[in-house]
Amino acid sequence: MTEASAPVACTHSLEAGAGQCQVFVIRRGHDGTATVEVRWPAGTTRRILFLRGTPVASDSPEPLSASRRGDTSFVTLGARERVEIPDALVFGG
């Protein structure tokens, strides 16, 4: 059951012109634990697990790294995928 969705900034080096992705979130409580599904413009998807507001795992074979700026998590998967996830999607609000 999807609880929220929104367009967010993203880049994918294999998809020319990618600049915005649709994301969907399933929250698992009010503490920032959620699964975020990223839908790239070419139709591929990626799922990212957040625990207490921090991205900790994904279904990508590439390593996950993340940084924060303000109320946004910048999630990078390997050298090819990057997506900006606002706290409002993960926590609600």
PDB file of N, CA and C in Angstrom:
ATOM      1  N   MET A   1       0.830  -1.164   0.000  1.00  0.00           N
ATOM      2  CA  MET A   1       0.000   0.000   0.000  1.00  0.00           C
ATOM      3  C   MET A   1       0.890   1.248   0.000  1.00  0.00           C
ATOM      4  N   THR A   2       0.816   2.026  -1.066  1.00  0.00           N
ATOM      5  CA  THR A   2       1.569   3.259  -1.168  1.00  0.00           C
ATOM      6  C   THR A   2       0.899   4.331  -0.328  1.00  0.00           C
ATOM      7  N   GLU A   3       1.683   5.054   0.452  1.00  0.00           N
ATOM      8  CA  GLU A   3       1.129   6.092   1.310  1.00  0.00           C
ATOM      9  C   GLU A   3       1.313   7.482   0.748  1.00  0.00           C
ATOM     10  N   ALA A   4       2.318   7.659  -0.130  1.00  0.00           N
ATOM     11  CA  ALA A   4       2.560   8.975  -0.717  1.00  0.00           C
ATOM     12  C   ALA A   4       3.399   8.800  -1.968  1.00  0.00           C
ATOM     13  N   SER A   5       3.318   9.796  -2.834  1.00  0.00           N
ATOM     14  CA  SER A   5       4.173   9.811  -4.018  1.00  0.00           C
ATOM     15  C   SER A   5       4.467  11.251  -4.381  1.00  0.00           C
ATOM     16  N   ALA A   6       5.573  11.449  -5.100  1.00  0.00           N
ATOM     17  CA  ALA A   6       5.958  12.796  -5.520  1.00  0.00           C
ATOM     18  C   ALA A   6       7.049  12.702  -6.566  1.00  0.00           C
ATOM     19  N   PRO A   7       7.164  13.701  -7.421  1.00  0.00           N
ATOM     20  CA  PRO A   7       8.316  13.760  -8.320  1.00  0.00           C
ATOM     21  C   PRO A   7       9.510  14.317  -7.540  1.00  0.00           C
ATOM     22  N   VAL A   8      10.698  13.758  -7.770  1.00  0.00           N
ATOM     23  CA  VAL A   8      11.912  14.237  -7.111  1.00  0.00           C
ATOM     24  C   VAL A   8      13.037  14.323  -8.139  1.00  0.00           C
ATOM     25  N   ALA A   9      14.060  15.084  -7.800  1.00  0.00           N
ATOM     26  CA  ALA A   9      15.236  15.206  -8.662  1.00  0.00           C
ATOM     27  C   ALA A   9      16.020  13.904  -8.625  1.00  0.00           C
ATOM     28  N   CYS A  10      16.497  13.487  -9.809  1.00  0.00           N
ATOM     29  CA  CYS A  10      17.287  12.266  -9.880  1.00  0.00           C
ATOM     30  C   CYS A  10      18.192  12.324 -11.103  1.00  0.00           C
ATOM     31  N   THR A  11      19.221  11.511 -11.087  1.00  0.00           N
ATOM     32  CA  THR A  11      20.077  11.342 -12.259  1.00  0.00           C
ATOM     33  C   THR A  11      20.387   9.864 -12.405  1.00  0.00           C
ATOM     34  N   HIS A  12      20.512   9.439 -13.637  1.00  0.00           N
ATOM     35  CA  HIS A  12      20.859   8.059 -13.962  1.00  0.00           C
ATOM     36  C   HIS A  12      21.700   8.126 -15.219  1.00  0.00           C
ATOM     37  N   SER A  13      22.958   7.803 -15.100  1.00  0.00           N
ATOM     38  CA  SER A  13      23.875   8.004 -16.222  1.00  0.00           C
ATOM     39  C   SER A  13      23.537   7.150 -17.438  1.00  0.00           C
ATOM     40  N   LEU A  14      22.725   6.121 -17.278  1.00  0.00           N
ATOM     41  CA  LEU A  14      22.367   5.275 -18.416  1.00  0.00           C
ATOM     42  C   LEU A  14      21.106   5.759 -19.127  1.00  0.00           C
ATOM     43  N   GLU A  15      20.413   6.753 -18.568  1.00  0.00           N
ATOM     44  CA  GLU A  15      19.166   7.236 -19.154  1.00  0.00           C
ATOM     45  C   GLU A  15      19.314   8.707 -19.503  1.00  0.00           C
ATOM     46  N   ALA A  16      19.530   8.986 -20.762  1.00  0.00           N
ATOM     47  CA  ALA A  16      19.692  10.369 -21.208  1.00  0.00           C
ATOM     48  C   ALA A  16      18.452  11.174 -20.858  1.00  0.00           C
ATOM     49  N   GLY A  17      18.662  12.369 -20.388  1.00  0.00           N
ATOM     50  CA  GLY A  17      17.557  13.254 -20.093  1.00  0.00           C
ATOM     51  C   GLY A  17      16.895  13.034 -18.744  1.00  0.00           C
ATOM     52  N   ALA A  18      17.344  12.071 -17.976  1.00  0.00           N
ATOM     53  CA  ALA A  18      16.738  11.852 -16.664  1.00  0.00           C
ATOM     54  C   ALA A  18      17.025  13.045 -15.777  1.00  0.00           C
ATOM     55  N   GLY A  19      16.019  13.579 -15.165  1.00  0.00           N
ATOM     56  CA  GLY A  19      16.186  14.704 -14.274  1.00  0.00           C
ATOM     57  C   GLY A  19      15.142  14.709 -13.189  1.00  0.00           C
ATOM     58  N   GLN A  20      14.090  13.931 -13.420  1.00  0.00           N
ATOM     59  CA  GLN A  20      13.024  13.836 -12.431  1.00  0.00           C
ATOM     60  C   GLN A  20      12.459  12.421 -12.461  1.00  0.00           C
ATOM     61  N   CYS A  21      12.297  11.865 -11.281  1.00  0.00           N
ATOM     62  CA  CYS A  21      11.741  10.523 -11.117  1.00  0.00           C
ATOM     63  C   CYS A  21      10.498  10.615 -10.244  1.00  0.00           C
ATOM     64  N   GLN A  22       9.610   9.685 -10.414  1.00  0.00           N
ATOM     65  CA  GLN A  22       8.463   9.568  -9.525  1.00  0.00           C
ATOM     66  C   GLN A  22       8.866   8.616  -8.410  1.00  0.00           C
ATOM     67  N   VAL A  23       8.609   8.987  -7.165  1.00  0.00           N
ATOM     68  CA  VAL A  23       8.888   8.092  -6.046  1.00  0.00           C
ATOM     69  C   VAL A  23       7.604   7.817  -5.280  1.00  0.00           C
ATOM     70  N   PHE A  24       7.545   6.633  -4.714  1.00  0.00           N
ATOM     71  CA  PHE A  24       6.415   6.174  -3.920  1.00  0.00           C
ATOM     72  C   PHE A  24       6.973   5.683  -2.595  1.00  0.00           C
ATOM     73  N   VAL A  25       6.230   5.863  -1.518  1.00  0.00           N
ATOM     74  CA  VAL A  25       6.732   5.472  -0.205  1.00  0.00           C
ATOM     75  C   VAL A  25       5.693   4.638   0.534  1.00  0.00           C
ATOM     76  N   ILE A  26       6.192   3.634   1.231  1.00  0.00           N
ATOM     77  CA  ILE A  26       5.391   2.855   2.173  1.00  0.00           C
ATOM     78  C   ILE A  26       6.043   3.055   3.537  1.00  0.00           C
ATOM     79  N   ARG A  27       5.352   3.730   4.428  1.00  0.00           N
ATOM     80  CA  ARG A  27       5.886   4.010   5.764  1.00  0.00           C
ATOM     81  C   ARG A  27       5.588   2.843   6.699  1.00  0.00           C
ATOM     82  N   ARG A  28       6.510   2.598   7.605  1.00  0.00           N
ATOM     83  CA  ARG A  28       6.378   1.493   8.535  1.00  0.00           C
ATOM     84  C   ARG A  28       6.356   2.009   9.976  1.00  0.00           C
ATOM     85  N   GLY A  29       5.676   3.098  10.185  1.00  0.00           N
ATOM     86  CA  GLY A  29       5.596   3.725  11.502  1.00  0.00           C
ATOM     87  C   GLY A  29       5.823   5.215  11.347  1.00  0.00           C
ATOM     88  N   HIS A  30       6.034   5.881  12.479  1.00  0.00           N
ATOM     89  CA  HIS A  30       6.216   7.331  12.467  1.00  0.00           C
ATOM     90  C   HIS A  30       7.653   7.730  12.770  1.00  0.00           C
ATOM     91  N   ASP A  31       8.567   6.751  12.757  1.00  0.00           N
ATOM     92  CA  ASP A  31       9.957   7.042  13.122  1.00  0.00           C
ATOM     93  C   ASP A  31      10.877   7.193  11.918  1.00  0.00           C
ATOM     94  N   GLY A  32      10.329   7.277  10.699  1.00  0.00           N
ATOM     95  CA  GLY A  32      11.168   7.418   9.514  1.00  0.00           C
ATOM     96  C   GLY A  32      11.618   6.096   8.929  1.00  0.00           C
ATOM     97  N   THR A  33      10.967   5.003   9.320  1.00  0.00           N
ATOM     98  CA  THR A  33      11.259   3.714   8.719  1.00  0.00           C
ATOM     99  C   THR A  33      10.286   3.518   7.563  1.00  0.00           C
ATOM    100  N   ALA A  34      10.848   3.336   6.360  1.00  0.00           N
ATOM    101  CA  ALA A  34      10.012   3.289   5.160  1.00  0.00           C
ATOM    102  C   ALA A  34      10.764   2.644   4.002  1.00  0.00           C
ATOM    103  N   THR A  35      10.000   2.194   3.021  1.00  0.00           N
ATOM    104  CA  THR A  35      10.556   1.746   1.749  1.00  0.00           C
ATOM    105  C   THR A  35      10.166   2.771   0.698  1.00  0.00           C
ATOM    106  N   VAL A  36      11.172   3.282  -0.005  1.00  0.00           N
ATOM    107  CA  VAL A  36      10.953   4.254  -1.068  1.00  0.00           C
ATOM    108  C   VAL A  36      11.231   3.566  -2.400  1.00  0.00           C
ATOM    109  N   GLU A  37      10.259   3.629  -3.293  1.00  0.00           N
ATOM    110  CA  GLU A  37      10.446   3.063  -4.634  1.00  0.00           C
ATOM    111  C   GLU A  37      10.653   4.213  -5.613  1.00  0.00           C
ATOM    112  N   VAL A  38      11.765   4.172  -6.325  1.00  0.00           N
ATOM    113  CA  VAL A  38      12.111   5.188  -7.318  1.00  0.00           C
ATOM    114  C   VAL A  38      11.784   4.620  -8.688  1.00  0.00           C
ATOM    115  N   ARG A  39      11.013   5.350  -9.468  1.00  0.00           N
ATOM    116  CA  ARG A  39      10.690   4.934 -10.837  1.00  0.00           C
ATOM    117  C   ARG A  39      11.385   5.875 -11.810  1.00  0.00           C
ATOM    118  N   TRP A  40      12.399   5.353 -12.497  1.00  0.00           N
ATOM    119  CA  TRP A  40      13.180   6.133 -13.455  1.00  0.00           C
ATOM    120  C   TRP A  40      12.342   6.367 -14.705  1.00  0.00           C
ATOM    121  N   PRO A  41      12.612   7.450 -15.442  1.00  0.00           N
ATOM    122  CA  PRO A  41      11.829   7.776 -16.642  1.00  0.00           C
ATOM    123  C   PRO A  41      11.761   6.639 -17.668  1.00  0.00           C
ATOM    124  N   ALA A  42      12.793   5.822 -17.784  1.00  0.00           N
ATOM    125  CA  ALA A  42      12.789   4.739 -18.772  1.00  0.00           C
ATOM    126  C   ALA A  42      11.996   3.515 -18.312  1.00  0.00           C
ATOM    127  N   GLY A  43      11.434   3.576 -17.091  1.00  0.00           N
ATOM    128  CA  GLY A  43      10.589   2.483 -16.629  1.00  0.00           C
ATOM    129  C   GLY A  43      11.227   1.537 -15.634  1.00  0.00           C
ATOM    130  N   THR A  44      12.513   1.685 -15.343  1.00  0.00           N
ATOM    131  CA  THR A  44      13.140   0.829 -14.341  1.00  0.00           C
ATOM    132  C   THR A  44      12.813   1.344 -12.945  1.00  0.00           C
ATOM    133  N   THR A  45      12.930   0.480 -11.956  1.00  0.00           N
ATOM    134  CA  THR A  45      12.642   0.874 -10.575  1.00  0.00           C
ATOM    135  C   THR A  45      13.791   0.493  -9.660  1.00  0.00           C
ATOM    136  N   ARG A  46      13.834   1.158  -8.523  1.00  0.00           N
ATOM    137  CA  ARG A  46      14.818   0.877  -7.482  1.00  0.00           C
ATOM    138  C   ARG A  46      14.121   1.067  -6.151  1.00  0.00           C
ATOM    139  N   ARG A  47      14.388   0.203  -5.186  1.00  0.00           N
ATOM    140  CA  ARG A  47      13.811   0.330  -3.847  1.00  0.00           C
ATOM    141  C   ARG A  47      14.917   0.630  -2.839  1.00  0.00           C
ATOM    142  N   ILE A  48      14.621   1.582  -1.960  1.00  0.00           N
ATOM    143  CA  ILE A  48      15.583   2.011  -0.946  1.00  0.00           C
ATOM    144  C   ILE A  48      14.916   1.910   0.417  1.00  0.00           C
ATOM    145  N   LEU A  49      15.582   1.257   1.360  1.00  0.00           N
ATOM    146  CA  LEU A  49      15.067   1.105   2.722  1.00  0.00           C
ATOM    147  C   LEU A  49      15.637   2.196   3.608  1.00  0.00           C
ATOM    148  N   PHE A  50      14.745   2.904   4.301  1.00  0.00           N
ATOM    149  CA  PHE A  50      15.124   3.920   5.281  1.00  0.00           C
ATOM    150  C   PHE A  50      14.807   3.387   6.667  1.00  0.00           C
ATOM    151  N   LEU A  51      15.748   3.499   7.593  1.00  0.00           N
ATOM    152  CA  LEU A  51      15.527   3.183   9.007  1.00  0.00           C
ATOM    153  C   LEU A  51      15.754   4.456   9.799  1.00  0.00           C
ATOM    154  N   ARG A  52      14.732   4.882  10.528  1.00  0.00           N
ATOM    155  CA  ARG A  52      14.783   6.115  11.315  1.00  0.00           C
ATOM    156  C   ARG A  52      15.297   7.287  10.495  1.00  0.00           C
ATOM    157  N   GLY A  53      14.830   7.380   9.239  1.00  0.00           N
ATOM    158  CA  GLY A  53      15.161   8.506   8.381  1.00  0.00           C
ATOM    159  C   GLY A  53      16.474   8.408   7.638  1.00  0.00           C
ATOM    160  N   THR A  54      17.191   7.302   7.811  1.00  0.00           N
ATOM    161  CA  THR A  54      18.488   7.129   7.168  1.00  0.00           C
ATOM    162  C   THR A  54      18.408   6.011   6.130  1.00  0.00           C
ATOM    163  N   PRO A  55      18.836   6.271   4.876  1.00  0.00           N
ATOM    164  CA  PRO A  55      18.856   5.198   3.880  1.00  0.00           C
ATOM    165  C   PRO A  55      19.960   4.195   4.221  1.00  0.00           C
ATOM    166  N   VAL A  56      19.583   2.916   4.350  1.00  0.00           N
ATOM    167  CA  VAL A  56      20.544   1.908   4.805  1.00  0.00           C
ATOM    168  C   VAL A  56      20.757   0.762   3.825  1.00  0.00           C
ATOM    169  N   ALA A  57      19.833   0.547   2.893  1.00  0.00           N
ATOM    170  CA  ALA A  57      19.957  -0.576   1.970  1.00  0.00           C
ATOM    171  C   ALA A  57      19.109  -0.312   0.736  1.00  0.00           C
ATOM    172  N   SER A  58      19.436  -1.041  -0.326  1.00  0.00           N
ATOM    173  CA  SER A  58      18.628  -0.960  -1.550  1.00  0.00           C
ATOM    174  C   SER A  58      18.685  -2.293  -2.267  1.00  0.00           C
ATOM    175  N   ASP A  59      17.892  -2.398  -3.333  1.00  0.00           N
ATOM    176  CA  ASP A  59      17.933  -3.614  -4.135  1.00  0.00           C
ATOM    177  C   ASP A  59      18.952  -3.510  -5.271  1.00  0.00           C
ATOM    178  N   SER A  60      19.794  -2.515  -5.225  1.00  0.00           N
ATOM    179  CA  SER A  60      20.857  -2.350  -6.219  1.00  0.00           C
ATOM    180  C   SER A  60      22.064  -3.210  -5.851  1.00  0.00           C
ATOM    181  N   PRO A  61      22.747  -3.779  -6.837  1.00  0.00           N
ATOM    182  CA  PRO A  61      23.984  -4.491  -6.537  1.00  0.00           C
ATOM    183  C   PRO A  61      25.139  -3.525  -6.245  1.00  0.00           C
ATOM    184  N   GLU A  62      24.931  -2.246  -6.521  1.00  0.00           N
ATOM    185  CA  GLU A  62      25.949  -1.222  -6.294  1.00  0.00           C
ATOM    186  C   GLU A  62      25.889  -0.723  -4.852  1.00  0.00           C
ATOM    187  N   PRO A  63      27.015  -0.238  -4.320  1.00  0.00           N
ATOM    188  CA  PRO A  63      27.015   0.255  -2.939  1.00  0.00           C
ATOM    189  C   PRO A  63      26.185   1.520  -2.786  1.00  0.00           C
ATOM    190  N   LEU A  64      25.546   1.641  -1.625  1.00  0.00           N
ATOM    191  CA  LEU A  64      24.725   2.797  -1.286  1.00  0.00           C
ATOM    192  C   LEU A  64      25.554   3.754  -0.445  1.00  0.00           C
ATOM    193  N   SER A  65      25.485   5.034  -0.795  1.00  0.00           N
ATOM    194  CA  SER A  65      26.038   6.074   0.067  1.00  0.00           C
ATOM    195  C   SER A  65      25.006   7.186   0.137  1.00  0.00           C
ATOM    196  N   ALA A  66      25.059   7.966   1.205  1.00  0.00           N
ATOM    197  CA  ALA A  66      24.069   9.025   1.375  1.00  0.00           C
ATOM    198  C   ALA A  66      24.695  10.203   2.093  1.00  0.00           C
ATOM    199  N   SER A  67      24.166  11.373   1.784  1.00  0.00           N
ATOM    200  CA  SER A  67      24.537  12.585   2.491  1.00  0.00           C
ATOM    201  C   SER A  67      23.262  13.376   2.743  1.00  0.00           C
ATOM    202  N   ARG A  68      23.362  14.398   3.591  1.00  0.00           N
ATOM    203  CA  ARG A  68      22.192  15.197   3.947  1.00  0.00           C
ATOM    204  C   ARG A  68      22.477  16.654   3.651  1.00  0.00           C
ATOM    205  N   ARG A  69      21.452  17.335   3.185  1.00  0.00           N
ATOM    206  CA  ARG A  69      21.465  18.788   3.057  1.00  0.00           C
ATOM    207  C   ARG A  69      20.081  19.269   3.440  1.00  0.00           C
ATOM    208  N   GLY A  70      20.017  20.018   4.530  1.00  0.00           N
ATOM    209  CA  GLY A  70      18.712  20.477   5.004  1.00  0.00           C
ATOM    210  C   GLY A  70      17.822  19.305   5.358  1.00  0.00           C
ATOM    211  N   ASP A  71      16.628  19.255   4.751  1.00  0.00           N
ATOM    212  CA  ASP A  71      15.683  18.175   5.036  1.00  0.00           C
ATOM    213  C   ASP A  71      15.617  17.160   3.896  1.00  0.00           C
ATOM    214  N   THR A  72      16.750  16.969   3.200  1.00  0.00           N
ATOM    215  CA  THR A  72      16.790  16.065   2.056  1.00  0.00           C
ATOM    216  C   THR A  72      17.952  15.089   2.165  1.00  0.00           C
ATOM    217  N   SER A  73      17.677  13.814   1.871  1.00  0.00           N
ATOM    218  CA  SER A  73      18.719  12.796   1.767  1.00  0.00           C
ATOM    219  C   SER A  73      19.115  12.667   0.299  1.00  0.00           C
ATOM    220  N   PHE A  74      20.398  12.743   0.027  1.00  0.00           N
ATOM    221  CA  PHE A  74      20.937  12.544  -1.316  1.00  0.00           C
ATOM    222  C   PHE A  74      21.511  11.137  -1.351  1.00  0.00           C
ATOM    223  N   VAL A  75      20.805  10.234  -2.028  1.00  0.00           N
ATOM    224  CA  VAL A  75      21.169   8.814  -2.052  1.00  0.00           C
ATOM    225  C   VAL A  75      21.862   8.514  -3.376  1.00  0.00           C
ATOM    226  N   THR A  76      23.053   7.931  -3.280  1.00  0.00           N
ATOM    227  CA  THR A  76      23.815   7.542  -4.462  1.00  0.00           C
ATOM    228  C   THR A  76      24.011   6.034  -4.437  1.00  0.00           C
ATOM    229  N   LEU A  77      23.734   5.412  -5.569  1.00  0.00           N
ATOM    230  CA  LEU A  77      23.912   3.964  -5.712  1.00  0.00           C
ATOM    231  C   LEU A  77      24.960   3.747  -6.795  1.00  0.00           C
ATOM    232  N   GLY A  78      26.155   3.339  -6.368  1.00  0.00           N
ATOM    233  CA  GLY A  78      27.251   3.171  -7.314  1.00  0.00           C
ATOM    234  C   GLY A  78      27.614   4.503  -7.952  1.00  0.00           C
ATOM    235  N   ALA A  79      28.034   4.451  -9.197  1.00  0.00           N
ATOM    236  CA  ALA A  79      28.434   5.661  -9.918  1.00  0.00           C
ATOM    237  C   ALA A  79      27.358   6.154 -10.870  1.00  0.00           C
ATOM    238  N   ARG A  80      26.219   5.475 -10.921  1.00  0.00           N
ATOM    239  CA  ARG A  80      25.237   5.776 -11.959  1.00  0.00           C
ATOM    240  C   ARG A  80      23.914   6.348 -11.490  1.00  0.00           C
ATOM    241  N   GLU A  81      23.525   6.099 -10.261  1.00  0.00           N
ATOM    242  CA  GLU A  81      22.194   6.505  -9.816  1.00  0.00           C
ATOM    243  C   GLU A  81      22.292   7.462  -8.632  1.00  0.00           C
ATOM    244  N   ARG A  82      21.494   8.531  -8.700  1.00  0.00           N
ATOM    245  CA  ARG A  82      21.417   9.480  -7.590  1.00  0.00           C
ATOM    246  C   ARG A  82      19.994  10.004  -7.510  1.00  0.00           C
ATOM    247  N   VAL A  83      19.469  10.064  -6.294  1.00  0.00           N
ATOM    248  CA  VAL A  83      18.094  10.528  -6.103  1.00  0.00           C
ATOM    249  C   VAL A  83      18.015  11.350  -4.817  1.00  0.00           C
ATOM    250  N   GLU A  84      17.198  12.395  -4.838  1.00  0.00           N
ATOM    251  CA  GLU A  84      17.026  13.280  -3.691  1.00  0.00           C
ATOM    252  C   GLU A  84      15.680  12.976  -3.042  1.00  0.00           C
ATOM    253  N   ILE A  85      15.710  12.538  -1.778  1.00  0.00           N
ATOM    254  CA  ILE A  85      14.499  12.136  -1.068  1.00  0.00           C
ATOM    255  C   ILE A  85      14.238  13.101   0.090  1.00  0.00           C
ATOM    256  N   PRO A  86      13.176  13.905   0.002  1.00  0.00           N
ATOM    257  CA  PRO A  86      12.846  14.810   1.105  1.00  0.00           C
ATOM    258  C   PRO A  86      12.311  14.055   2.323  1.00  0.00           C
ATOM    259  N   ASP A  87      12.619  14.585   3.513  1.00  0.00           N
ATOM    260  CA  ASP A  87      12.135  13.978   4.754  1.00  0.00           C
ATOM    261  C   ASP A  87      10.617  13.854   4.785  1.00  0.00           C
ATOM    262  N   ALA A  88       9.903  14.800   4.197  1.00  0.00           N
ATOM    263  CA  ALA A  88       8.443  14.771   4.218  1.00  0.00           C
ATOM    264  C   ALA A  88       7.897  13.490   3.592  1.00  0.00           C
ATOM    265  N   LEU A  89       8.581  12.934   2.602  1.00  0.00           N
ATOM    266  CA  LEU A  89       8.128  11.668   2.019  1.00  0.00           C
ATOM    267  C   LEU A  89       8.340  10.503   2.983  1.00  0.00           C
ATOM    268  N   VAL A  90       9.476  10.492   3.636  1.00  0.00           N
ATOM    269  CA  VAL A  90       9.828   9.375   4.518  1.00  0.00           C
ATOM    270  C   VAL A  90       9.039   9.424   5.823  1.00  0.00           C
ATOM    271  N   PHE A  91       8.932  10.608   6.424  1.00  0.00           N
ATOM    272  CA  PHE A  91       8.279  10.750   7.734  1.00  0.00           C
ATOM    273  C   PHE A  91       6.792  11.094   7.626  1.00  0.00           C
ATOM    274  N   GLY A  92       6.376  11.601   6.487  1.00  0.00           N
ATOM    275  CA  GLY A  92       5.012  12.114   6.325  1.00  0.00           C
ATOM    276  C   GLY A  92       4.991  13.579   6.717  1.00  0.00           C
ATOM    277  N   GLY A  93       4.035  14.280   6.170  1.00  0.00           N
ATOM    278  CA  GLY A  93       3.923  15.675   6.572  1.00  0.00           C
ATOM    279  C   GLY A  93       3.878  16.646   5.471  1.00  0.00           C
TER     280      GLY A  93
END
